[in-house]
All heavy atoms as atom14 arrays in JSON, in Angstrom:
{
  "sequence": "TVYLRLNSLKPEDTGIYYCAAGRTLDLAENLYDYWGQGTQV",
  "atom14_mask": [
    [1, 1, 1, 1, 1, 1, 1, 0, 0, 0, 0, 0, 0, 0],
    [1, 1, 1, 1, 1, 1, 1, 0, 0, 0, 0, 0, 0, 0],
    [1, 1, 1, 1, 1, 1, 1, 1, 1, 1, 1, 1, 0, 0],
    [1, 1, 1, 1, 1, 1, 1, 1, 0, 0, 0, 0, 0, 0],
    [1, 1, 1, 1, 1, 1, 1, 1, 1, 1, 1, 0, 0, 0],
    [1, 1, 1, 1, 1, 1, 1, 1, 0, 0, 0, 0, 0, 0],
    [1, 1, 1, 1, 1, 1, 1, 1, 0, 0, 0, 0, 0, 0],
    [1, 1, 1, 1, 1, 1, 0, 0, 0, 0, 0, 0, 0, 0],
    [1, 1, 1, 1, 1, 1, 1, 1, 0, 0, 0, 0, 0, 0],
    [1, 1, 1, 1, 1, 1, 1, 1, 1, 0, 0, 0, 0, 0],
    [1, 1, 1, 1, 1, 1, 1, 0, 0, 0, 0, 0, 0, 0],
    [1, 1, 1, 1, 1, 1, 1, 1, 1, 0, 0, 0, 0, 0],
    [1, 1, 1, 1, 1, 1, 1, 1, 0, 0, 0, 0, 0, 0],
    [1, 1, 1, 1, 1, 1, 1, 0, 0, 0, 0, 0, 0, 0],
    [1, 1, 1, 1, 0, 0, 0, 0, 0, 0, 0, 0, 0, 0],
    [1, 1, 1, 1, 1, 1, 1, 1, 0, 0, 0, 0, 0, 0],
    [1, 1, 1, 1, 1, 1, 1, 1, 1, 1, 1, 1, 0, 0],
    [1, 1, 1, 1, 1, 1, 1, 1, 1, 1, 1, 1, 0, 0],
    [1, 1, 1, 1, 1, 1, 0, 0, 0, 0, 0, 0, 0, 0],
    [1, 1, 1, 1, 1, 0, 0, 0, 0, 0, 0, 0, 0, 0],
    [1, 1, 1, 1, 1, 0, 0, 0, 0, 0, 0, 0, 0, 0],
    [1, 1, 1, 1, 0, 0, 0, 0, 0, 0, 0, 0, 0, 0],
    [1, 1, 1, 1, 1, 1, 1, 1, 1, 1, 1, 0, 0, 0],
    [1, 1, 1, 1, 1, 1, 1, 0, 0, 0, 0, 0, 0, 0],
    [1, 1, 1, 1, 1, 1, 1, 1, 0, 0, 0, 0, 0, 0],
    [1, 1, 1, 1, 1, 1, 1, 1, 0, 0, 0, 0, 0, 0],
    [1, 1, 1, 1, 1, 1, 1, 1, 0, 0, 0, 0, 0, 0],
    [1, 1, 1, 1, 1, 0, 0, 0, 0, 0, 0, 0, 0, 0],
    [1, 1, 1, 1, 1, 1, 1, 1, 1, 0, 0, 0, 0, 0],
    [1, 1, 1, 1, 1, 1, 1, 1, 0, 0, 0, 0, 0, 0],
    [1, 1, 1, 1, 1, 1, 1, 1, 0, 0, 0, 0, 0, 0],
    [1, 1, 1, 1, 1, 1, 1, 1, 1, 1, 1, 1, 0, 0],
    [1, 1, 1, 1, 1, 1, 1, 1, 0, 0, 0, 0, 0, 0],
    [1, 1, 1, 1, 1, 1, 1, 1, 1, 1, 1, 1, 0, 0],
    [1, 1, 1, 1, 1, 1, 1, 1, 1, 1, 1, 1, 1, 1],
    [1, 1, 1, 1, 0, 0, 0, 0, 0, 0, 0, 0, 0, 0],
    [1, 1, 1, 1, 1, 1, 1, 1, 1, 0, 0, 0, 0, 0],
    [1, 1, 1, 1, 0, 0, 0, 0, 0, 0, 0, 0, 0, 0],
    [1, 1, 1, 1, 1, 1, 1, 0, 0, 0, 0, 0, 0, 0],
    [1, 1, 1, 1, 1, 1, 1, 1, 1, 0, 0, 0, 0, 0],
    [1, 1, 1, 1, 1, 1, 1, 0, 0, 0, 0, 0, 0, 0]
  ],
  "atom14_positions": [
    [[8.7, -4.0, 11.26], [8.04, -3.83, 9.95], [8.34, -5.07, 9.05], [9.48, -5.43, 8.93], [8.46, -2.54, 9.26], [8.12, -1.42, 10.2], [7.7, -2.28, 7.98], [0.0, 0.0, 0.0], [0.0, 0.0, 0.0], [0.0, 0.0, 0.0], [0.0, 0.0, 0.0], [0.0, 0.0, 0.0], [0.0, 0.0, 0.0], [0.0, 0.0, 0.0]],
    [[7.38, -5.42, 8.36], [7.5, -6.43, 7.22], [7.03, -5.79, 5.94], [6.06, -4.96, 5.96], [6.64, -7.64, 7.48], [6.6, -8.53, 6.22], [7.27, -8.45, 8.61], [0.0, 0.0, 0.0], [0.0, 0.0, 0.0], [0.0, 0.0, 0.0], [0.0, 0.0, 0.0], [0.0, 0.0, 0.0], [0.0, 0.0, 0.0], [0.0, 0.0, 0.0]],
    [[7.69, -6.0, 4.84], [7.41, -5.36, 3.58], [7.01, -6.4, 2.58], [7.43, -7.54, 2.62], [8.61, -4.6, 3.02], [9.16, -3.57, 3.96], [10.29, -3.82, 4.84], [8.67, -2.33, 4.12], [10.83, -2.92, 5.68], [9.14, -1.33, 4.91], [10.21, -1.63, 5.75], [10.77, -0.65, 6.49], [0.0, 0.0, 0.0], [0.0, 0.0, 0.0]],
    [[6.15, -6.05, 1.66], [5.87, -6.83, 0.49], [5.99, -5.98, -0.75], [5.26, -5.09, -0.95], [4.45, -7.4, 0.57], [4.13, -8.43, -0.49], [4.9, -9.74, -0.3], [2.6, -8.75, -0.49], [0.0, 0.0, 0.0], [0.0, 0.0, 0.0], [0.0, 0.0, 0.0], [0.0, 0.0, 0.0], [0.0, 0.0, 0.0], [0.0, 0.0, 0.0]],
    [[7.02, -6.3, -1.6], [7.18, -5.59, -2.81], [6.42, -6.29, -3.94], [6.59, -7.49, -4.08], [8.65, -5.59, -3.17], [8.99, -4.86, -4.48], [8.77, -3.41, -4.34], [9.1, -2.67, -5.55], [8.94, -1.31, -5.71], [8.52, -0.56, -4.79], [9.39, -0.84, -6.88], [0.0, 0.0, 0.0], [0.0, 0.0, 0.0], [0.0, 0.0, 0.0]],
    [[5.54, -5.67, -4.59], [4.74, -6.11, -5.65], [5.15, -5.53, -6.96], [5.05, -4.42, -7.27], [3.26, -5.73, -5.42], [2.45, -6.35, -4.28], [3.02, -6.0, -2.9], [0.99, -5.88, -4.32], [0.0, 0.0, 0.0], [0.0, 0.0, 0.0], [0.0, 0.0, 0.0], [0.0, 0.0, 0.0], [0.0, 0.0, 0.0], [0.0, 0.0, 0.0]],
    [[5.73, -6.47, -7.8], [6.28, -6.13, -9.1], [5.35, -6.75, -10.22], [4.63, -7.77, -10.0], [7.71, -6.51, -9.31], [8.68, -5.73, -8.49], [8.44, -4.53, -8.17], [9.78, -6.27, -8.13], [0.0, 0.0, 0.0], [0.0, 0.0, 0.0], [0.0, 0.0, 0.0], [0.0, 0.0, 0.0], [0.0, 0.0, 0.0], [0.0, 0.0, 0.0]],
    [[5.51, -6.2, -11.38], [4.74, -6.78, -12.54], [3.29, -7.02, -12.21], [2.76, -8.07, -12.54], [5.51, -8.12, -12.95], [6.74, -7.83, -13.28], [0.0, 0.0, 0.0], [0.0, 0.0, 0.0], [0.0, 0.0, 0.0], [0.0, 0.0, 0.0], [0.0, 0.0, 0.0], [0.0, 0.0, 0.0], [0.0, 0.0, 0.0], [0.0, 0.0, 0.0]],
    [[2.62, -6.03, -11.68], [1.25, -6.2, -11.21], [0.36, -6.35, -12.35], [0.48, -5.89, -13.47], [0.86, -4.99, -10.41], [1.41, -4.98, -8.98], [1.3, -3.59, -8.35], [0.7, -6.03, -8.12], [0.0, 0.0, 0.0], [0.0, 0.0, 0.0], [0.0, 0.0, 0.0], [0.0, 0.0, 0.0], [0.0, 0.0, 0.0], [0.0, 0.0, 0.0]],
    [[-0.66, -7.31, -12.07], [-1.73, -7.68, -13.06], [-3.12, -7.21, -12.46], [-3.2, -7.1, -11.22], [-1.73, -9.14, -13.24], [-0.4, -9.74, -13.68], [-0.42, -11.31, -13.71], [0.92, -11.84, -14.09], [0.86, -13.33, -14.07], [0.0, 0.0, 0.0], [0.0, 0.0, 0.0], [0.0, 0.0, 0.0], [0.0, 0.0, 0.0], [0.0, 0.0, 0.0]],
    [[-4.06, -6.99, -13.34], [-5.38, -6.76, -12.78], [-5.89, -7.74, -11.77], [-6.6, -7.35, -10.83], [-6.28, -6.68, -14.03], [-5.3, -6.31, -15.15], [-4.07, -6.97, -14.81], [0.0, 0.0, 0.0], [0.0, 0.0, 0.0], [0.0, 0.0, 0.0], [0.0, 0.0, 0.0], [0.0, 0.0, 0.0], [0.0, 0.0, 0.0], [0.0, 0.0, 0.0]],
    [[-5.55, -8.98, -12.0], [-6.05, -10.03, -11.05], [-5.38, -9.92, -9.64], [-5.73, -10.62, -8.76], [-5.85, -11.39, -11.59], [-4.46, -11.71, -12.12], [-4.31, -11.5, -13.6], [-4.84, -10.56, -14.14], [-3.72, -12.41, -14.21], [0.0, 0.0, 0.0], [0.0, 0.0, 0.0], [0.0, 0.0, 0.0], [0.0, 0.0, 0.0], [0.0, 0.0, 0.0]],
    [[-4.38, -9.1, -9.53], [-3.84, -8.75, -8.16], [-4.59, -7.84, -7.35], [-4.32, -7.53, -6.2], [-2.3, -8.19, -8.31], [-1.36, -9.27, -8.98], [-1.51, -10.41, -8.53], [-0.58, -8.84, -9.79], [0.0, 0.0, 0.0], [0.0, 0.0, 0.0], [0.0, 0.0, 0.0], [0.0, 0.0, 0.0], [0.0, 0.0, 0.0], [0.0, 0.0, 0.0]],
    [[-5.63, -7.24, -7.96], [-6.52, -6.29, -7.25], [-7.09, -6.89, -6.05], [-7.71, -8.06, -6.04], [-7.53, -5.71, -8.19], [-6.91, -4.94, -9.17], [-8.56, -4.81, -7.41], [0.0, 0.0, 0.0], [0.0, 0.0, 0.0], [0.0, 0.0, 0.0], [0.0, 0.0, 0.0], [0.0, 0.0, 0.0], [0.0, 0.0, 0.0], [0.0, 0.0, 0.0]],
    [[-7.15, -6.23, -4.9], [-7.8, -6.72, -3.73], [-7.38, -5.97, -2.52], [-6.51, -5.04, -2.53], [0.0, 0.0, 0.0], [0.0, 0.0, 0.0], [0.0, 0.0, 0.0], [0.0, 0.0, 0.0], [0.0, 0.0, 0.0], [0.0, 0.0, 0.0], [0.0, 0.0, 0.0], [0.0, 0.0, 0.0], [0.0, 0.0, 0.0], [0.0, 0.0, 0.0]],
    [[-7.88, -6.39, -1.36], [-7.4, -5.94, -0.1], [-6.28, -6.79, 0.43], [-6.47, -7.99, 0.53], [-8.53, -5.77, 0.94], [-9.7, -4.91, 0.4], [-8.06, -5.2, 2.24], [-10.91, -4.87, 1.3], [0.0, 0.0, 0.0], [0.0, 0.0, 0.0], [0.0, 0.0, 0.0], [0.0, 0.0, 0.0], [0.0, 0.0, 0.0], [0.0, 0.0, 0.0]],
    [[-5.14, -6.18, 0.71], [-3.99, -6.95, 1.23], [-3.86, -6.77, 2.72], [-3.89, -5.67, 3.26], [-2.7, -6.37, 0.55], [-2.57, -6.92, -0.91], [-3.51, -6.53, -1.86], [-1.66, -7.84, -1.28], [-3.42, -7.0, -3.11], [-1.52, -8.3, -2.53], [-2.47, -7.87, -3.47], [-2.37, -8.31, -4.77], [0.0, 0.0, 0.0], [0.0, 0.0, 0.0]],
    [[-3.78, -7.91, 3.42], [-3.67, -7.98, 4.89], [-2.36, -8.51, 5.3], [-1.82, -9.54, 4.65], [-4.79, -8.84, 5.46], [-6.21, -8.45, 5.14], [-6.83, -8.86, 3.99], [-6.9, -7.63, 6.0], [-8.08, -8.51, 3.6], [-8.19, -7.32, 5.73], [-8.81, -7.66, 4.53], [-10.1, -7.36, 4.22], [0.0, 0.0, 0.0], [0.0, 0.0, 0.0]],
    [[-1.79, -8.1, 6.4], [-0.68, -8.85, 7.05], [-1.25, -9.47, 8.32], [-2.27, -8.99, 8.89], [0.5, -7.91, 7.36], [0.25, -6.62, 8.56], [0.0, 0.0, 0.0], [0.0, 0.0, 0.0], [0.0, 0.0, 0.0], [0.0, 0.0, 0.0], [0.0, 0.0, 0.0], [0.0, 0.0, 0.0], [0.0, 0.0, 0.0], [0.0, 0.0, 0.0]],
    [[-0.63, -10.58, 8.68], [-1.09, -11.25, 9.91], [0.14, -11.93, 10.55], [1.18, -12.23, 9.87], [-2.03, -12.36, 9.52], [0.0, 0.0, 0.0], [0.0, 0.0, 0.0], [0.0, 0.0, 0.0], [0.0, 0.0, 0.0], [0.0, 0.0, 0.0], [0.0, 0.0, 0.0], [0.0, 0.0, 0.0], [0.0, 0.0, 0.0], [0.0, 0.0, 0.0]],
    [[0.01, -12.16, 11.85], [1.11, -12.65, 12.7], [0.69, -14.06, 13.24], [-0.4, -14.19, 13.74], [1.5, -11.72, 13.77], [0.0, 0.0, 0.0], [0.0, 0.0, 0.0], [0.0, 0.0, 0.0], [0.0, 0.0, 0.0], [0.0, 0.0, 0.0], [0.0, 0.0, 0.0], [0.0, 0.0, 0.0], [0.0, 0.0, 0.0], [0.0, 0.0, 0.0]],
    [[1.61, -14.96, 13.22], [1.35, -16.3, 13.79], [2.67, -16.98, 14.25], [3.67, -16.32, 14.33], [0.0, 0.0, 0.0], [0.0, 0.0, 0.0], [0.0, 0.0, 0.0], [0.0, 0.0, 0.0], [0.0, 0.0, 0.0], [0.0, 0.0, 0.0], [0.0, 0.0, 0.0], [0.0, 0.0, 0.0], [0.0, 0.0, 0.0], [0.0, 0.0, 0.0]],
    [[2.57, -18.22, 14.49], [3.71, -19.03, 14.98], [4.15, -20.2, 14.06], [5.01, -20.92, 14.43], [3.39, -19.66, 16.36], [3.03, -18.53, 17.42], [4.31, -17.81, 17.87], [3.9, -16.94, 19.02], [4.82, -16.29, 19.65], [6.05, -16.26, 19.28], [4.44, -15.55, 20.76], [0.0, 0.0, 0.0], [0.0, 0.0, 0.0], [0.0, 0.0, 0.0]],
    [[3.48, -20.3, 12.92], [3.7, -21.52, 12.09], [4.08, -21.01, 10.74], [3.51, -20.03, 10.22], [2.43, -22.28, 12.04], [2.0, -22.68, 13.24], [2.73, -23.58, 11.25], [0.0, 0.0, 0.0], [0.0, 0.0, 0.0], [0.0, 0.0, 0.0], [0.0, 0.0, 0.0], [0.0, 0.0, 0.0], [0.0, 0.0, 0.0], [0.0, 0.0, 0.0]],
    [[5.05, -21.83, 10.04], [5.5, -21.48, 8.68], [4.48, -22.13, 7.76], [4.73, -23.24, 7.18], [6.84, -22.05, 8.44], [8.0, -21.35, 9.21], [9.32, -21.99, 9.12], [8.05, -19.87, 8.76], [0.0, 0.0, 0.0], [0.0, 0.0, 0.0], [0.0, 0.0, 0.0], [0.0, 0.0, 0.0], [0.0, 0.0, 0.0], [0.0, 0.0, 0.0]],
    [[3.4, -21.45, 7.54], [2.27, -21.91, 6.74], [1.45, -20.79, 6.21], [1.51, -19.74, 6.85], [1.42, -22.94, 7.55], [0.66, -23.88, 6.64], [-0.33, -23.43, 6.07], [0.96, -25.07, 6.53], [0.0, 0.0, 0.0], [0.0, 0.0, 0.0], [0.0, 0.0, 0.0], [0.0, 0.0, 0.0], [0.0, 0.0, 0.0], [0.0, 0.0, 0.0]],
    [[0.65, -21.0, 5.21], [-0.23, -19.88, 4.67], [-1.67, -20.19, 5.0], [-2.55, -19.49, 4.53], [-0.01, -19.69, 3.26], [1.19, -18.82, 2.81], [1.36, -18.85, 1.3], [1.06, -17.53, 3.32], [0.0, 0.0, 0.0], [0.0, 0.0, 0.0], [0.0, 0.0, 0.0], [0.0, 0.0, 0.0], [0.0, 0.0, 0.0], [0.0, 0.0, 0.0]],
    [[-2.01, -21.18, 5.84], [-3.38, -21.38, 6.28], [-3.76, -20.27, 7.25], [-3.14, -20.07, 8.24], [-3.52, -22.69, 6.97], [0.0, 0.0, 0.0], [0.0, 0.0, 0.0], [0.0, 0.0, 0.0], [0.0, 0.0, 0.0], [0.0, 0.0, 0.0], [0.0, 0.0, 0.0], [0.0, 0.0, 0.0], [0.0, 0.0, 0.0], [0.0, 0.0, 0.0]],
    [[-4.85, -19.53, 6.92], [-5.18, -18.32, 7.72], [-5.56, -18.67, 9.12], [-5.48, -17.75, 9.96], [-6.22, -17.48, 6.96], [-7.54, -18.11, 6.79], [-8.51, -17.1, 6.17], [-8.26, -16.9, 4.95], [-9.36, -16.56, 6.77], [0.0, 0.0, 0.0], [0.0, 0.0, 0.0], [0.0, 0.0, 0.0], [0.0, 0.0, 0.0], [0.0, 0.0, 0.0]],
    [[-6.07, -19.89, 9.41], [-6.41, -20.24, 10.72], [-5.27, -20.37, 11.69], [-5.43, -20.51, 12.91], [-7.34, -21.39, 10.77], [-6.61, -22.71, 10.3], [-5.54, -22.65, 9.71], [-7.22, -23.84, 10.54], [0.0, 0.0, 0.0], [0.0, 0.0, 0.0], [0.0, 0.0, 0.0], [0.0, 0.0, 0.0], [0.0, 0.0, 0.0], [0.0, 0.0, 0.0]],
    [[-4.02, -20.31, 11.1], [-2.85, -20.43, 11.93], [-2.34, -19.02, 12.35], [-1.28, -18.97, 13.05], [-1.73, -21.17, 11.15], [-2.1, -22.71, 10.84], [-0.98, -23.26, 10.02], [-2.29, -23.43, 12.1], [0.0, 0.0, 0.0], [0.0, 0.0, 0.0], [0.0, 0.0, 0.0], [0.0, 0.0, 0.0], [0.0, 0.0, 0.0], [0.0, 0.0, 0.0]],
    [[-2.94, -17.96, 11.93], [-2.56, -16.61, 12.27], [-3.51, -16.06, 13.31], [-4.64, -16.14, 13.21], [-2.46, -15.84, 11.06], [-1.35, -16.18, 10.06], [-1.4, -17.26, 9.35], [-0.11, -15.51, 10.13], [-0.39, -17.65, 8.49], [0.95, -15.9, 9.38], [0.8, -16.97, 8.55], [1.92, -17.37, 7.79], [0.0, 0.0, 0.0], [0.0, 0.0, 0.0]],
    [[-2.83, -15.46, 14.28], [-3.64, -14.99, 15.48], [-3.98, -13.46, 15.37], [-4.94, -13.09, 16.02], [-2.82, -15.24, 16.74], [-2.45, -16.7, 16.97], [-3.4, -17.49, 16.88], [-1.33, -17.08, 17.13], [0.0, 0.0, 0.0], [0.0, 0.0, 0.0], [0.0, 0.0, 0.0], [0.0, 0.0, 0.0], [0.0, 0.0, 0.0], [0.0, 0.0, 0.0]],
    [[-3.23, -12.68, 14.76], [-3.41, -11.22, 14.72], [-3.49, -10.74, 13.28], [-2.62, -11.17, 12.5], [-2.27, -10.48, 15.5], [-2.2, -11.02, 16.93], [-1.17, -11.87, 17.24], [-3.05, -10.56, 17.94], [-1.06, -12.34, 18.62], [-2.97, -10.96, 19.21], [-1.91, -11.87, 19.55], [-1.81, -12.31, 20.77], [0.0, 0.0, 0.0], [0.0, 0.0, 0.0]],
    [[-4.38, -9.84, 13.03], [-4.61, -9.32, 11.67], [-4.64, -7.83, 11.65], [-5.19, -7.21, 12.58], [-5.88, -9.91, 11.16], [-5.83, -11.43, 10.89], [-6.01, -12.35, 11.83], [-5.67, -12.05, 9.63], [-5.88, -13.58, 11.21], [-5.7, -13.43, 9.91], [-5.39, -11.61, 8.33], [-5.53, -14.35, 8.88], [-5.32, -12.54, 7.34], [-5.33, -13.94, 7.59]],
    [[-4.1, -7.24, 10.59], [-4.39, -5.87, 10.29], [-5.68, -5.63, 9.62], [-6.44, -6.59, 9.3], [0.0, 0.0, 0.0], [0.0, 0.0, 0.0], [0.0, 0.0, 0.0], [0.0, 0.0, 0.0], [0.0, 0.0, 0.0], [0.0, 0.0, 0.0], [0.0, 0.0, 0.0], [0.0, 0.0, 0.0], [0.0, 0.0, 0.0], [0.0, 0.0, 0.0]],
    [[-5.99, -4.38, 9.38], [-7.29, -4.02, 8.73], [-7.22, -3.95, 7.23], [-8.18, -3.97, 6.59], [-7.73, -2.64, 9.24], [-8.11, -2.63, 10.73], [-8.67, -1.31, 11.2], [-8.45, -0.29, 10.5], [-9.29, -1.28, 12.29], [0.0, 0.0, 0.0], [0.0, 0.0, 0.0], [0.0, 0.0, 0.0], [0.0, 0.0, 0.0], [0.0, 0.0, 0.0]],
    [[-6.03, -4.08, 6.63], [-5.85, -4.21, 5.22], [-5.61, -2.85, 4.44], [-5.85, -1.74, 5.07], [0.0, 0.0, 0.0], [0.0, 0.0, 0.0], [0.0, 0.0, 0.0], [0.0, 0.0, 0.0], [0.0, 0.0, 0.0], [0.0, 0.0, 0.0], [0.0, 0.0, 0.0], [0.0, 0.0, 0.0], [0.0, 0.0, 0.0], [0.0, 0.0, 0.0]],
    [[-4.99, -3.02, 3.39], [-4.76, -1.82, 2.48], [-5.17, -2.23, 1.03], [-4.89, -3.33, 0.5], [-3.31, -1.4, 2.54], [-3.07, -0.19, 1.73], [-2.37, -2.47, 2.07], [0.0, 0.0, 0.0], [0.0, 0.0, 0.0], [0.0, 0.0, 0.0], [0.0, 0.0, 0.0], [0.0, 0.0, 0.0], [0.0, 0.0, 0.0], [0.0, 0.0, 0.0]],
    [[-5.84, -1.34, 0.38], [-6.42, -1.59, -0.93], [-5.33, -1.4, -1.99], [-4.62, -0.48, -2.09], [-7.58, -0.69, -1.29], [-8.18, -0.82, -2.72], [-8.96, -2.07, -2.82], [-9.76, -2.47, -1.89], [-8.76, -2.83, -3.87], [0.0, 0.0, 0.0], [0.0, 0.0, 0.0], [0.0, 0.0, 0.0], [0.0, 0.0, 0.0], [0.0, 0.0, 0.0]],
    [[-5.26, -2.48, -2.92], [-4.38, -2.47, -4.07], [-5.29, -2.63, -5.31], [-6.13, -3.58, -5.4], [-3.38, -3.6, -4.12], [-2.66, -3.63, -5.45], [-2.39, -3.27, -2.98], [0.0, 0.0, 0.0], [0.0, 0.0, 0.0], [0.0, 0.0, 0.0], [0.0, 0.0, 0.0], [0.0, 0.0, 0.0], [0.0, 0.0, 0.0], [0.0, 0.0, 0.0]]
  ]
}
């Protein structure tokens, strides 16, 4: 399990949040191979 704690939330944080698995220390989404279906915040 990986967790993401969201504090001091703002309206602009609204969206669908996805986790993804990859092999590279980067936030480019094309570097991630597996994706969840998301959870709404």
